[in-house]
Amino acid sequence: MSYLTRLHLNPRRRGARHLLASPQRMHAAVESSFPPGDEAAHRNLWRVDEEGDSVTLYLTSATPPDLTHVVEEAGWPSTTPWTTASYDRFLEGLTAGQHWQFRLTANPVHSVRTRPDQKDTKPTAHVSVAQQARWLATKSSGWGFTVLEADGGETAEDGDLTHTVIGRRTRQFGRKGSSVTLAQVTYAGVLQVTDVDALRTHLLSGMGRGKAYGCGLMTLARRRT
């Protein structure tokens, strides 16, 4: 079983601002939504969408979460706390050739050697919008989809998908006494399903690195007309 959960946060509350300021704190809050020892808690994905005063937490998991503590600290307790629905029926309905609106926050990196004579590589963030868009275009085939150029359904002749990058920021936060720097890029656009099994797998397992810190979760919605 798999589930998709949505929770609206109240950014005017101190608790919400505290969580939103640190992916590590949000990660801990999400993990606490599952019983101790629940292995499913280590296979969830989460993402925060911030658009003006609207802040929404999305979460996919193998078991339904209990987000009571998040609602009490950072949500809207007097309204519907959160919604959780089975994700399986949606995943089973995916077919090759379908077009979907998508949204993804990811950590686009590539491996580089710090010295020419060094065998080990280090994950390094892509910096420019063009590099970040190219990263998604390159990875997409292995994840079961093609990113389209526009809603009309045509792909870009020159592979330019910079329009899909709608948000970029570098997060710095503490973890176990050390500092973590994480590049987050939010993509949105239209995709075409090319490999159903691969897409289903990565919708559940995530795309790219940084999954514990709000990266890797793609959501799909029907195309806007």
N, C-alpha and C. Protein backbone atom coordinates (compact mmCIF):
# COMPACT_ATOMS: atom_id res chain seq x y z
N MET A 1 0.84 -1.20 0.00
CA MET A 1 0.00 0.00 0.00
C MET A 1 0.88 1.25 0.00
N SER A 2 0.36 2.30 -0.58
CA SER A 2 1.05 3.59 -0.56
C SER A 2 0.01 4.68 -0.40
N TYR A 3 0.43 5.78 0.23
CA TYR A 3 -0.50 6.86 0.55
C TYR A 3 0.11 8.21 0.19
N LEU A 4 -0.76 9.14 -0.19
CA LEU A 4 -0.36 10.52 -0.45
C LEU A 4 -1.10 11.41 0.54
N THR A 5 -0.34 12.21 1.26
CA THR A 5 -0.90 13.07 2.31
C THR A 5 -0.62 14.53 1.99
N ARG A 6 -1.58 15.39 2.32
CA ARG A 6 -1.41 16.83 2.14
C ARG A 6 -1.81 17.54 3.44
N LEU A 7 -0.96 18.45 3.88
CA LEU A 7 -1.21 19.19 5.10
C LEU A 7 -0.87 20.66 4.86
N HIS A 8 -1.80 21.55 5.20
CA HIS A 8 -1.57 22.98 5.04
C HIS A 8 -0.93 23.53 6.33
N LEU A 9 0.19 24.22 6.16
CA LEU A 9 0.88 24.83 7.29
C LEU A 9 0.50 26.31 7.38
N ASN A 10 0.61 26.84 8.58
CA ASN A 10 0.30 28.25 8.82
C ASN A 10 1.62 29.01 9.02
N PRO A 11 2.12 29.68 7.98
CA PRO A 11 3.43 30.32 8.08
C PRO A 11 3.50 31.47 9.07
N ARG A 12 2.35 31.90 9.59
CA ARG A 12 2.36 32.98 10.57
C ARG A 12 2.61 32.47 11.99
N ARG A 13 2.58 31.15 12.14
CA ARG A 13 2.84 30.58 13.46
C ARG A 13 4.33 30.36 13.65
N ARG A 14 4.79 30.62 14.85
CA ARG A 14 6.22 30.48 15.14
C ARG A 14 6.70 29.05 14.89
N GLY A 15 5.87 28.08 15.26
CA GLY A 15 6.26 26.68 15.05
C GLY A 15 6.46 26.35 13.59
N ALA A 16 5.62 26.90 12.73
CA ALA A 16 5.76 26.65 11.29
C ALA A 16 7.04 27.27 10.77
N ARG A 17 7.32 28.50 11.17
CA ARG A 17 8.55 29.15 10.72
C ARG A 17 9.77 28.39 11.20
N HIS A 18 9.69 27.84 12.41
CA HIS A 18 10.79 27.06 12.97
C HIS A 18 11.05 25.81 12.11
N LEU A 19 10.00 25.12 11.72
CA LEU A 19 10.16 23.92 10.90
C LEU A 19 10.62 24.27 9.49
N LEU A 20 10.03 25.30 8.91
CA LEU A 20 10.35 25.66 7.53
C LEU A 20 11.78 26.17 7.38
N ALA A 21 12.36 26.66 8.45
CA ALA A 21 13.72 27.20 8.38
C ALA A 21 14.78 26.12 8.29
N SER A 22 14.42 24.88 8.60
CA SER A 22 15.42 23.81 8.63
C SER A 22 14.86 22.51 8.07
N PRO A 23 15.36 22.04 6.91
CA PRO A 23 14.93 20.74 6.40
C PRO A 23 15.19 19.61 7.39
N GLN A 24 16.21 19.74 8.23
CA GLN A 24 16.48 18.71 9.23
C GLN A 24 15.35 18.63 10.25
N ARG A 25 14.86 19.80 10.70
CA ARG A 25 13.75 19.80 11.66
C ARG A 25 12.46 19.28 11.02
N MET A 26 12.22 19.66 9.77
CA MET A 26 11.03 19.15 9.09
C MET A 26 11.14 17.64 8.89
N HIS A 27 12.32 17.18 8.54
CA HIS A 27 12.55 15.74 8.39
C HIS A 27 12.23 15.00 9.69
N ALA A 28 12.69 15.54 10.81
CA ALA A 28 12.42 14.91 12.10
C ALA A 28 10.93 14.90 12.41
N ALA A 29 10.24 15.99 12.07
CA ALA A 29 8.80 16.06 12.32
C ALA A 29 8.05 15.03 11.48
N VAL A 30 8.47 14.86 10.24
CA VAL A 30 7.84 13.87 9.37
C VAL A 30 8.11 12.46 9.88
N GLU A 31 9.35 12.17 10.25
CA GLU A 31 9.68 10.84 10.76
C GLU A 31 8.88 10.52 12.02
N SER A 32 8.61 11.54 12.82
CA SER A 32 7.86 11.34 14.07
C SER A 32 6.38 11.06 13.82
N SER A 33 5.97 11.12 12.56
CA SER A 33 4.57 10.84 12.22
C SER A 33 4.28 9.35 12.15
N PHE A 34 5.32 8.54 12.33
CA PHE A 34 5.18 7.09 12.25
C PHE A 34 5.63 6.46 13.56
N PRO A 35 5.07 5.30 13.93
CA PRO A 35 5.43 4.66 15.19
C PRO A 35 6.91 4.31 15.25
N PRO A 36 7.51 4.32 16.45
CA PRO A 36 8.91 3.91 16.59
C PRO A 36 9.12 2.49 16.05
N GLY A 37 10.19 2.31 15.31
CA GLY A 37 10.48 1.00 14.76
C GLY A 37 9.76 0.68 13.47
N ASP A 38 8.93 1.60 12.99
CA ASP A 38 8.20 1.39 11.74
C ASP A 38 9.16 1.61 10.57
N GLU A 39 9.55 0.52 9.91
CA GLU A 39 10.49 0.63 8.80
C GLU A 39 9.94 1.47 7.67
N ALA A 40 8.61 1.54 7.56
CA ALA A 40 8.01 2.34 6.49
C ALA A 40 8.35 3.81 6.64
N ALA A 41 8.66 4.25 7.87
CA ALA A 41 8.97 5.66 8.10
C ALA A 41 10.24 6.07 7.37
N HIS A 42 11.09 5.10 7.05
CA HIS A 42 12.35 5.42 6.38
C HIS A 42 12.22 5.38 4.86
N ARG A 43 11.01 5.14 4.38
CA ARG A 43 10.81 5.07 2.92
C ARG A 43 9.86 6.16 2.44
N ASN A 44 9.62 7.15 3.29
CA ASN A 44 8.70 8.19 2.86
C ASN A 44 9.43 9.31 2.13
N LEU A 45 8.66 10.10 1.40
CA LEU A 45 9.17 11.29 0.73
C LEU A 45 8.31 12.46 1.17
N TRP A 46 8.90 13.65 1.20
CA TRP A 46 8.10 14.82 1.54
C TRP A 46 8.60 16.03 0.74
N ARG A 47 7.72 17.00 0.63
CA ARG A 47 8.04 18.24 -0.09
C ARG A 47 7.19 19.36 0.46
N VAL A 48 7.74 20.54 0.55
CA VAL A 48 6.99 21.72 0.96
C VAL A 48 6.87 22.66 -0.23
N ASP A 49 5.65 23.03 -0.56
CA ASP A 49 5.39 24.02 -1.61
C ASP A 49 5.00 25.33 -0.94
N GLU A 50 5.72 26.38 -1.27
CA GLU A 50 5.44 27.71 -0.73
C GLU A 50 5.06 28.64 -1.87
N GLU A 51 3.83 29.11 -1.86
CA GLU A 51 3.35 30.05 -2.87
C GLU A 51 2.60 31.17 -2.16
N GLY A 52 3.28 32.29 -1.96
CA GLY A 52 2.68 33.39 -1.21
C GLY A 52 2.41 32.98 0.22
N ASP A 53 1.19 33.18 0.68
CA ASP A 53 0.82 32.80 2.05
C ASP A 53 0.40 31.33 2.16
N SER A 54 0.37 30.63 1.03
CA SER A 54 -0.02 29.22 1.04
C SER A 54 1.22 28.34 1.15
N VAL A 55 1.26 27.53 2.20
CA VAL A 55 2.38 26.61 2.43
C VAL A 55 1.80 25.22 2.65
N THR A 56 2.21 24.27 1.83
CA THR A 56 1.62 22.93 1.87
C THR A 56 2.72 21.88 1.96
N LEU A 57 2.52 20.93 2.87
CA LEU A 57 3.41 19.79 3.02
C LEU A 57 2.79 18.60 2.32
N TYR A 58 3.53 17.98 1.39
CA TYR A 58 3.10 16.75 0.73
C TYR A 58 3.98 15.61 1.23
N LEU A 59 3.37 14.45 1.37
CA LEU A 59 4.08 13.30 1.93
C LEU A 59 3.57 12.02 1.29
N THR A 60 4.48 11.19 0.80
CA THR A 60 4.11 9.85 0.35
C THR A 60 4.72 8.85 1.32
N SER A 61 3.96 7.80 1.62
CA SER A 61 4.41 6.84 2.62
C SER A 61 3.74 5.49 2.40
N ALA A 62 4.31 4.46 3.03
CA ALA A 62 3.75 3.12 2.92
C ALA A 62 2.64 2.87 3.93
N THR A 63 2.57 3.70 4.96
CA THR A 63 1.50 3.63 5.95
C THR A 63 0.99 5.05 6.20
N PRO A 64 -0.26 5.21 6.62
CA PRO A 64 -0.79 6.56 6.87
C PRO A 64 -0.05 7.23 8.03
N PRO A 65 0.34 8.49 7.89
CA PRO A 65 1.02 9.19 8.97
C PRO A 65 0.03 9.77 9.97
N ASP A 66 0.52 10.03 11.18
CA ASP A 66 -0.24 10.77 12.19
C ASP A 66 0.48 12.11 12.39
N LEU A 67 -0.06 13.16 11.80
CA LEU A 67 0.58 14.47 11.81
C LEU A 67 0.00 15.41 12.86
N THR A 68 -0.60 14.83 13.89
CA THR A 68 -1.22 15.65 14.93
C THR A 68 -0.24 16.66 15.52
N HIS A 69 0.97 16.20 15.81
CA HIS A 69 1.97 17.08 16.43
C HIS A 69 2.36 18.23 15.51
N VAL A 70 2.38 17.99 14.20
CA VAL A 70 2.72 19.05 13.25
C VAL A 70 1.59 20.07 13.18
N VAL A 71 0.35 19.56 13.15
CA VAL A 71 -0.81 20.46 13.10
C VAL A 71 -0.85 21.35 14.34
N GLU A 72 -0.62 20.74 15.51
CA GLU A 72 -0.68 21.51 16.76
C GLU A 72 0.41 22.57 16.83
N GLU A 73 1.55 22.27 16.24
CA GLU A 73 2.69 23.19 16.32
C GLU A 73 2.71 24.20 15.17
N ALA A 74 2.28 23.75 13.98
CA ALA A 74 2.54 24.58 12.80
C ALA A 74 1.39 24.64 11.81
N GLY A 75 0.27 24.00 12.12
CA GLY A 75 -0.82 23.94 11.14
C GLY A 75 -2.01 24.81 11.49
N TRP A 76 -3.18 24.34 11.07
CA TRP A 76 -4.45 25.03 11.31
C TRP A 76 -5.36 24.08 12.09
N PRO A 77 -5.22 24.01 13.40
CA PRO A 77 -5.95 23.02 14.20
C PRO A 77 -7.47 23.10 14.09
N SER A 78 -8.01 24.28 13.80
CA SER A 78 -9.47 24.44 13.78
C SER A 78 -10.10 24.01 12.46
N THR A 79 -9.28 23.69 11.46
CA THR A 79 -9.80 23.23 10.17
C THR A 79 -9.45 21.76 9.99
N THR A 80 -9.72 21.22 8.81
CA THR A 80 -9.35 19.83 8.53
C THR A 80 -7.85 19.68 8.70
N PRO A 81 -7.38 18.86 9.65
CA PRO A 81 -5.95 18.80 9.95
C PRO A 81 -5.08 18.43 8.74
N TRP A 82 -5.43 17.32 8.09
CA TRP A 82 -4.69 16.89 6.90
C TRP A 82 -5.54 15.87 6.17
N THR A 83 -5.19 15.60 4.94
CA THR A 83 -5.90 14.59 4.15
C THR A 83 -4.92 13.53 3.69
N THR A 84 -5.32 12.28 3.83
CA THR A 84 -4.52 11.15 3.37
C THR A 84 -5.39 10.26 2.51
N ALA A 85 -4.89 9.92 1.34
CA ALA A 85 -5.65 9.07 0.41
C ALA A 85 -4.74 7.97 -0.13
N SER A 86 -5.36 6.86 -0.50
CA SER A 86 -4.60 5.79 -1.12
C SER A 86 -3.99 6.30 -2.42
N TYR A 87 -2.73 6.00 -2.64
CA TYR A 87 -2.00 6.42 -3.84
C TYR A 87 -2.03 5.32 -4.90
N ASP A 88 -2.40 4.11 -4.49
CA ASP A 88 -2.29 2.96 -5.38
C ASP A 88 -3.18 3.07 -6.61
N ARG A 89 -4.42 3.50 -6.43
CA ARG A 89 -5.33 3.57 -7.58
C ARG A 89 -4.80 4.54 -8.63
N PHE A 90 -4.27 5.68 -8.17
CA PHE A 90 -3.71 6.64 -9.12
C PHE A 90 -2.53 6.03 -9.87
N LEU A 91 -1.63 5.37 -9.15
CA LEU A 91 -0.45 4.77 -9.78
C LEU A 91 -0.85 3.69 -10.78
N GLU A 92 -1.87 2.91 -10.43
CA GLU A 92 -2.32 1.85 -11.33
C GLU A 92 -2.95 2.41 -12.59
N GLY A 93 -3.44 3.65 -12.55
CA GLY A 93 -4.08 4.26 -13.71
C GLY A 93 -3.12 4.91 -14.68
N LEU A 94 -1.84 4.94 -14.36
CA LEU A 94 -0.86 5.53 -15.27
C LEU A 94 -0.66 4.64 -16.48
N THR A 95 -0.60 5.24 -17.66
CA THR A 95 -0.34 4.50 -18.89
C THR A 95 0.62 5.29 -19.76
N ALA A 96 1.34 4.57 -20.60
CA ALA A 96 2.29 5.21 -21.51
C ALA A 96 1.55 6.16 -22.46
N GLY A 97 2.16 7.31 -22.69
CA GLY A 97 1.58 8.29 -23.59
C GLY A 97 0.76 9.37 -22.90
N GLN A 98 0.39 9.15 -21.64
CA GLN A 98 -0.38 10.17 -20.92
C GLN A 98 0.46 11.44 -20.73
N HIS A 99 -0.22 12.57 -20.70
CA HIS A 99 0.41 13.84 -20.38
C HIS A 99 -0.09 14.31 -19.01
N TRP A 100 0.84 14.78 -18.17
CA TRP A 100 0.48 15.25 -16.83
C TRP A 100 1.22 16.54 -16.51
N GLN A 101 0.55 17.42 -15.77
CA GLN A 101 1.26 18.52 -15.13
C GLN A 101 2.10 17.91 -14.01
N PHE A 102 3.33 18.37 -13.86
CA PHE A 102 4.16 17.83 -12.78
C PHE A 102 4.79 18.96 -11.97
N ARG A 103 5.17 18.60 -10.76
CA ARG A 103 5.94 19.49 -9.90
C ARG A 103 6.93 18.64 -9.14
N LEU A 104 8.16 19.08 -9.07
CA LEU A 104 9.24 18.32 -8.43
C LEU A 104 10.22 19.29 -7.80
N THR A 105 10.56 19.06 -6.55
CA THR A 105 11.69 19.75 -5.94
C THR A 105 12.81 18.73 -5.82
N ALA A 106 13.98 19.07 -6.36
CA ALA A 106 15.07 18.11 -6.43
C ALA A 106 16.40 18.78 -6.08
N ASN A 107 17.41 17.93 -5.94
CA ASN A 107 18.78 18.37 -5.64
C ASN A 107 19.67 17.96 -6.82
N PRO A 108 19.70 18.78 -7.88
CA PRO A 108 20.46 18.41 -9.08
C PRO A 108 21.96 18.55 -8.88
N VAL A 109 22.65 17.42 -8.90
CA VAL A 109 24.10 17.42 -8.68
C VAL A 109 24.78 16.58 -9.75
N HIS A 110 26.10 16.75 -9.85
CA HIS A 110 26.91 15.89 -10.70
C HIS A 110 28.18 15.56 -9.94
N SER A 111 28.86 14.51 -10.34
CA SER A 111 30.06 14.06 -9.64
C SER A 111 31.30 14.68 -10.28
N VAL A 112 32.16 15.25 -9.45
CA VAL A 112 33.40 15.86 -9.94
C VAL A 112 34.56 15.38 -9.08
N ARG A 113 35.76 15.39 -9.67
CA ARG A 113 36.98 15.09 -8.92
C ARG A 113 37.57 16.41 -8.43
N THR A 114 37.93 16.44 -7.16
CA THR A 114 38.52 17.67 -6.62
C THR A 114 39.94 17.88 -7.13
N ARG A 115 40.61 16.77 -7.52
CA ARG A 115 41.94 16.87 -8.13
C ARG A 115 42.00 15.91 -9.31
N PRO A 116 42.72 16.25 -10.36
CA PRO A 116 42.78 15.38 -11.55
C PRO A 116 43.28 13.98 -11.26
N ASP A 117 44.17 13.82 -10.26
CA ASP A 117 44.75 12.52 -9.95
C ASP A 117 43.93 11.74 -8.93
N GLN A 118 42.79 12.27 -8.55
CA GLN A 118 41.97 11.63 -7.52
C GLN A 118 40.91 10.74 -8.15
N LYS A 119 40.75 9.52 -7.63
CA LYS A 119 39.75 8.60 -8.15
C LYS A 119 38.36 8.90 -7.60
N ASP A 120 38.31 9.25 -6.33
CA ASP A 120 37.01 9.50 -5.70
C ASP A 120 36.39 10.79 -6.24
N THR A 121 35.08 10.79 -6.33
CA THR A 121 34.36 11.97 -6.80
C THR A 121 33.51 12.56 -5.68
N LYS A 122 33.10 13.79 -5.88
CA LYS A 122 32.30 14.49 -4.88
C LYS A 122 31.04 15.04 -5.53
N PRO A 123 29.87 14.78 -4.95
CA PRO A 123 28.64 15.36 -5.51
C PRO A 123 28.70 16.89 -5.43
N THR A 124 28.49 17.53 -6.56
CA THR A 124 28.57 18.99 -6.63
C THR A 124 27.31 19.52 -7.30
N ALA A 125 26.74 20.55 -6.73
CA ALA A 125 25.47 21.08 -7.25
C ALA A 125 25.66 21.76 -8.60
N HIS A 126 24.69 21.56 -9.48
CA HIS A 126 24.63 22.36 -10.70
C HIS A 126 24.22 23.77 -10.29
N VAL A 127 24.81 24.77 -10.95
CA VAL A 127 24.62 26.15 -10.51
C VAL A 127 23.67 26.93 -11.40
N SER A 128 23.84 26.85 -12.70
CA SER A 128 23.04 27.69 -13.60
C SER A 128 21.67 27.05 -13.87
N VAL A 129 20.72 27.89 -14.27
CA VAL A 129 19.39 27.39 -14.63
C VAL A 129 19.50 26.40 -15.78
N ALA A 130 20.34 26.71 -16.76
CA ALA A 130 20.50 25.81 -17.91
C ALA A 130 21.00 24.44 -17.48
N GLN A 131 21.99 24.41 -16.58
CA GLN A 131 22.51 23.13 -16.09
C GLN A 131 21.45 22.36 -15.32
N GLN A 132 20.70 23.06 -14.51
CA GLN A 132 19.67 22.42 -13.70
C GLN A 132 18.55 21.86 -14.56
N ALA A 133 18.17 22.59 -15.61
CA ALA A 133 17.14 22.10 -16.53
C ALA A 133 17.65 20.91 -17.32
N ARG A 134 18.91 20.98 -17.73
CA ARG A 134 19.50 19.87 -18.50
C ARG A 134 19.59 18.61 -17.64
N TRP A 135 19.86 18.78 -16.36
CA TRP A 135 19.92 17.63 -15.45
C TRP A 135 18.60 16.88 -15.45
N LEU A 136 17.48 17.61 -15.37
CA LEU A 136 16.18 16.94 -15.37
C LEU A 136 15.91 16.27 -16.71
N ALA A 137 16.24 16.95 -17.80
CA ALA A 137 16.01 16.37 -19.12
C ALA A 137 16.81 15.09 -19.30
N THR A 138 18.03 15.06 -18.76
CA THR A 138 18.89 13.88 -18.88
C THR A 138 18.39 12.73 -18.02
N LYS A 139 17.94 13.04 -16.82
CA LYS A 139 17.50 12.00 -15.89
C LYS A 139 16.12 11.45 -16.23
N SER A 140 15.30 12.23 -16.90
CA SER A 140 13.88 11.89 -17.04
C SER A 140 13.63 10.56 -17.73
N SER A 141 14.44 10.22 -18.74
CA SER A 141 14.18 8.96 -19.46
C SER A 141 14.31 7.75 -18.54
N GLY A 142 15.28 7.78 -17.63
CA GLY A 142 15.44 6.69 -16.69
C GLY A 142 14.36 6.65 -15.63
N TRP A 143 13.67 7.76 -15.48
CA TRP A 143 12.60 7.84 -14.49
C TRP A 143 11.22 7.62 -15.11
N GLY A 144 11.19 7.35 -16.41
CA GLY A 144 9.94 6.94 -17.04
C GLY A 144 9.12 8.02 -17.70
N PHE A 145 9.74 9.16 -18.03
CA PHE A 145 8.97 10.22 -18.67
C PHE A 145 9.86 11.10 -19.53
N THR A 146 9.22 11.91 -20.36
CA THR A 146 9.88 12.94 -21.14
C THR A 146 9.26 14.28 -20.77
N VAL A 147 10.11 15.27 -20.54
CA VAL A 147 9.61 16.61 -20.25
C VAL A 147 9.28 17.30 -21.56
N LEU A 148 8.07 17.84 -21.65
CA LEU A 148 7.64 18.51 -22.87
C LEU A 148 7.99 19.99 -22.82
N GLU A 149 8.15 20.54 -24.01
CA GLU A 149 8.51 21.96 -24.12
C GLU A 149 7.37 22.86 -23.66
N ALA A 150 6.15 22.50 -24.02
CA ALA A 150 5.03 23.37 -23.69
C ALA A 150 3.77 22.53 -23.60
N ASP A 151 2.69 23.17 -23.17
CA ASP A 151 1.43 22.46 -23.03
C ASP A 151 0.94 21.91 -24.37
N GLY A 152 1.43 22.46 -25.46
CA GLY A 152 1.01 21.98 -26.77
C GLY A 152 1.49 20.58 -27.08
N GLY A 153 2.46 20.08 -26.29
CA GLY A 153 2.88 18.70 -26.44
C GLY A 153 4.11 18.49 -27.29
N GLU A 154 4.79 19.57 -27.68
CA GLU A 154 6.00 19.43 -28.48
C GLU A 154 7.23 19.56 -27.59
N THR A 155 8.27 18.79 -27.90
CA THR A 155 9.51 18.92 -27.16
C THR A 155 10.35 20.02 -27.79
N ALA A 156 11.25 20.59 -27.00
CA ALA A 156 12.09 21.67 -27.51
C ALA A 156 13.09 21.14 -28.52
N GLU A 157 13.23 21.81 -29.65
CA GLU A 157 14.14 21.35 -30.69
C GLU A 157 15.59 21.39 -30.21
N ASP A 158 15.93 22.38 -29.39
CA ASP A 158 17.30 22.50 -28.91
C ASP A 158 17.48 21.96 -27.49
N GLY A 159 16.46 21.30 -26.98
CA GLY A 159 16.54 20.72 -25.65
C GLY A 159 16.48 21.75 -24.53
N ASP A 160 16.08 22.97 -24.84
CA ASP A 160 16.01 24.02 -23.83
C ASP A 160 14.76 23.85 -22.98
N LEU A 161 14.98 23.47 -21.72
CA LEU A 161 13.85 23.28 -20.80
C LEU A 161 13.98 24.21 -19.60
N THR A 162 14.65 25.34 -19.80
CA THR A 162 14.87 26.25 -18.68
C THR A 162 13.56 26.77 -18.11
N HIS A 163 12.50 26.74 -18.92
CA HIS A 163 11.21 27.22 -18.44
C HIS A 163 10.64 26.36 -17.32
N THR A 164 11.15 25.14 -17.18
CA THR A 164 10.63 24.25 -16.14
C THR A 164 11.16 24.60 -14.75
N VAL A 165 12.23 25.38 -14.67
CA VAL A 165 12.80 25.77 -13.38
C VAL A 165 12.03 26.97 -12.85
N ILE A 166 11.25 26.76 -11.79
CA ILE A 166 10.41 27.85 -11.27
C ILE A 166 10.85 28.34 -9.90
N GLY A 167 11.85 27.68 -9.31
CA GLY A 167 12.33 28.12 -8.01
C GLY A 167 13.69 27.52 -7.71
N ARG A 168 14.58 28.33 -7.12
CA ARG A 168 15.92 27.86 -6.77
C ARG A 168 16.35 28.52 -5.46
N ARG A 169 16.95 27.71 -4.60
CA ARG A 169 17.53 28.29 -3.39
C ARG A 169 18.54 27.32 -2.78
N THR A 170 19.45 27.88 -2.01
CA THR A 170 20.44 27.09 -1.29
C THR A 170 20.08 27.08 0.18
N ARG A 171 19.91 25.89 0.73
CA ARG A 171 19.54 25.74 2.14
C ARG A 171 20.79 25.40 2.95
N GLN A 172 20.96 26.05 4.08
CA GLN A 172 22.03 25.73 5.02
C GLN A 172 21.40 25.48 6.38
N PHE A 173 21.73 24.34 6.97
CA PHE A 173 21.13 23.97 8.25
C PHE A 173 22.06 23.03 9.00
N GLY A 174 21.80 22.86 10.27
CA GLY A 174 22.63 22.01 11.10
C GLY A 174 22.13 20.58 11.16
N ARG A 175 23.07 19.66 11.25
CA ARG A 175 22.73 18.24 11.40
C ARG A 175 23.83 17.57 12.22
N LYS A 176 23.47 17.11 13.41
CA LYS A 176 24.40 16.39 14.28
C LYS A 176 25.69 17.18 14.50
N GLY A 177 25.55 18.46 14.74
CA GLY A 177 26.71 19.28 15.05
C GLY A 177 27.49 19.80 13.86
N SER A 178 27.09 19.43 12.66
CA SER A 178 27.79 19.91 11.47
C SER A 178 26.82 20.71 10.60
N SER A 179 27.38 21.43 9.64
CA SER A 179 26.58 22.26 8.75
C SER A 179 26.36 21.54 7.42
N VAL A 180 25.13 21.58 6.93
CA VAL A 180 24.77 20.96 5.65
C VAL A 180 24.33 22.05 4.69
N THR A 181 24.84 21.99 3.47
CA THR A 181 24.42 22.90 2.41
C THR A 181 23.72 22.09 1.33
N LEU A 182 22.53 22.50 0.96
CA LEU A 182 21.71 21.73 0.02
C LEU A 182 21.11 22.67 -1.02
N ALA A 183 21.37 22.39 -2.28
CA ALA A 183 20.77 23.17 -3.37
C ALA A 183 19.42 22.55 -3.73
N GLN A 184 18.37 23.33 -3.63
CA GLN A 184 17.03 22.87 -3.97
C GLN A 184 16.52 23.61 -5.20
N VAL A 185 16.03 22.85 -6.16
CA VAL A 185 15.47 23.42 -7.38
C VAL A 185 14.06 22.87 -7.56
N THR A 186 13.10 23.73 -7.80
CA THR A 186 11.73 23.31 -8.05
C THR A 186 11.43 23.42 -9.53
N TYR A 187 10.93 22.32 -10.09
CA TYR A 187 10.58 22.23 -11.50
C TYR A 187 9.06 22.08 -11.63
N ALA A 188 8.51 22.62 -12.69
CA ALA A 188 7.10 22.42 -12.99
C ALA A 188 6.91 22.50 -14.50
N GLY A 189 5.98 21.71 -15.01
CA GLY A 189 5.73 21.71 -16.44
C GLY A 189 4.81 20.57 -16.82
N VAL A 190 4.98 20.09 -18.03
CA VAL A 190 4.17 18.99 -18.56
C VAL A 190 5.10 17.85 -18.94
N LEU A 191 4.73 16.64 -18.58
CA LEU A 191 5.51 15.47 -18.97
C LEU A 191 4.65 14.48 -19.73
N GLN A 192 5.33 13.61 -20.44
CA GLN A 192 4.67 12.49 -21.12
C GLN A 192 5.23 11.20 -20.55
N VAL A 193 4.35 10.30 -20.16
CA VAL A 193 4.77 9.01 -19.61
C VAL A 193 5.35 8.15 -20.72
N THR A 194 6.56 7.64 -20.51
CA THR A 194 7.20 6.77 -21.51
C THR A 194 7.42 5.35 -20.98
N ASP A 195 7.63 5.20 -19.68
CA ASP A 195 7.85 3.89 -19.07
C ASP A 195 7.06 3.86 -17.76
N VAL A 196 5.92 3.20 -17.78
CA VAL A 196 5.01 3.24 -16.63
C VAL A 196 5.66 2.66 -15.38
N ASP A 197 6.31 1.51 -15.51
CA ASP A 197 6.90 0.87 -14.34
C ASP A 197 7.97 1.75 -13.71
N ALA A 198 8.82 2.34 -14.54
CA ALA A 198 9.88 3.21 -14.02
C ALA A 198 9.30 4.43 -13.33
N LEU A 199 8.27 5.02 -13.92
CA LEU A 199 7.67 6.21 -13.31
C LEU A 199 7.02 5.86 -11.97
N ARG A 200 6.28 4.76 -11.92
CA ARG A 200 5.67 4.35 -10.66
C ARG A 200 6.73 4.15 -9.58
N THR A 201 7.81 3.48 -9.95
CA THR A 201 8.88 3.22 -9.00
C THR A 201 9.44 4.50 -8.43
N HIS A 202 9.70 5.48 -9.29
CA HIS A 202 10.35 6.70 -8.83
C HIS A 202 9.39 7.69 -8.19
N LEU A 203 8.10 7.58 -8.49
CA LEU A 203 7.14 8.38 -7.74
C LEU A 203 7.10 7.96 -6.28
N LEU A 204 7.41 6.69 -6.02
CA LEU A 204 7.41 6.18 -4.65
C LEU A 204 8.79 6.24 -3.99
N SER A 205 9.85 6.00 -4.77
CA SER A 205 11.20 5.95 -4.19
C SER A 205 11.93 7.28 -4.27
N GLY A 206 11.44 8.19 -5.11
CA GLY A 206 12.05 9.51 -5.20
C GLY A 206 12.99 9.66 -6.37
N MET A 207 13.32 10.91 -6.66
CA MET A 207 14.16 11.25 -7.81
C MET A 207 15.34 12.09 -7.35
N GLY A 208 16.53 11.55 -7.54
CA GLY A 208 17.74 12.28 -7.17
C GLY A 208 18.11 12.12 -5.71
N ARG A 209 18.99 13.02 -5.25
CA ARG A 209 19.51 12.97 -3.89
C ARG A 209 18.69 13.89 -2.97
N GLY A 210 19.07 13.87 -1.69
CA GLY A 210 18.47 14.79 -0.72
C GLY A 210 17.05 14.44 -0.33
N LYS A 211 16.67 13.18 -0.45
CA LYS A 211 15.28 12.79 -0.18
C LYS A 211 14.87 13.04 1.27
N ALA A 212 15.80 12.90 2.20
CA ALA A 212 15.45 13.13 3.60
C ALA A 212 15.14 14.60 3.88
N TYR A 213 15.57 15.47 2.98
CA TYR A 213 15.46 16.90 3.22
C TYR A 213 14.54 17.62 2.25
N GLY A 214 13.48 16.94 1.84
CA GLY A 214 12.45 17.60 1.05
C GLY A 214 12.65 17.57 -0.44
N CYS A 215 13.57 16.74 -0.92
CA CYS A 215 13.81 16.62 -2.36
C CYS A 215 13.36 15.25 -2.85
N GLY A 216 13.05 15.18 -4.14
CA GLY A 216 12.77 13.89 -4.77
C GLY A 216 11.33 13.53 -4.98
N LEU A 217 10.39 14.24 -4.34
CA LEU A 217 8.98 13.91 -4.47
C LEU A 217 8.36 14.66 -5.64
N MET A 218 7.93 13.92 -6.66
CA MET A 218 7.20 14.50 -7.79
C MET A 218 5.71 14.24 -7.60
N THR A 219 4.90 15.24 -7.84
CA THR A 219 3.45 15.07 -7.85
C THR A 219 2.93 15.36 -9.24
N LEU A 220 1.86 14.67 -9.60
CA LEU A 220 1.24 14.81 -10.92
C LEU A 220 -0.19 15.30 -10.76
N ALA A 221 -0.64 16.06 -11.73
CA ALA A 221 -2.02 16.54 -11.75
C ALA A 221 -2.49 16.59 -13.20
N ARG A 222 -3.79 16.54 -13.38
CA ARG A 222 -4.32 16.61 -14.74
C ARG A 222 -3.94 17.93 -15.38
N ARG A 223 -3.72 17.89 -16.68
CA ARG A 223 -3.29 19.09 -17.39
C ARG A 223 -4.35 20.17 -17.34
N ARG A 224 -3.90 21.39 -17.13
CA ARG A 224 -4.82 22.52 -17.13
C ARG A 224 -5.25 22.82 -18.56
N THR A 225 -6.53 23.14 -18.73
CA THR A 225 -7.05 23.45 -20.06
C THR A 225 -7.39 24.93 -20.17
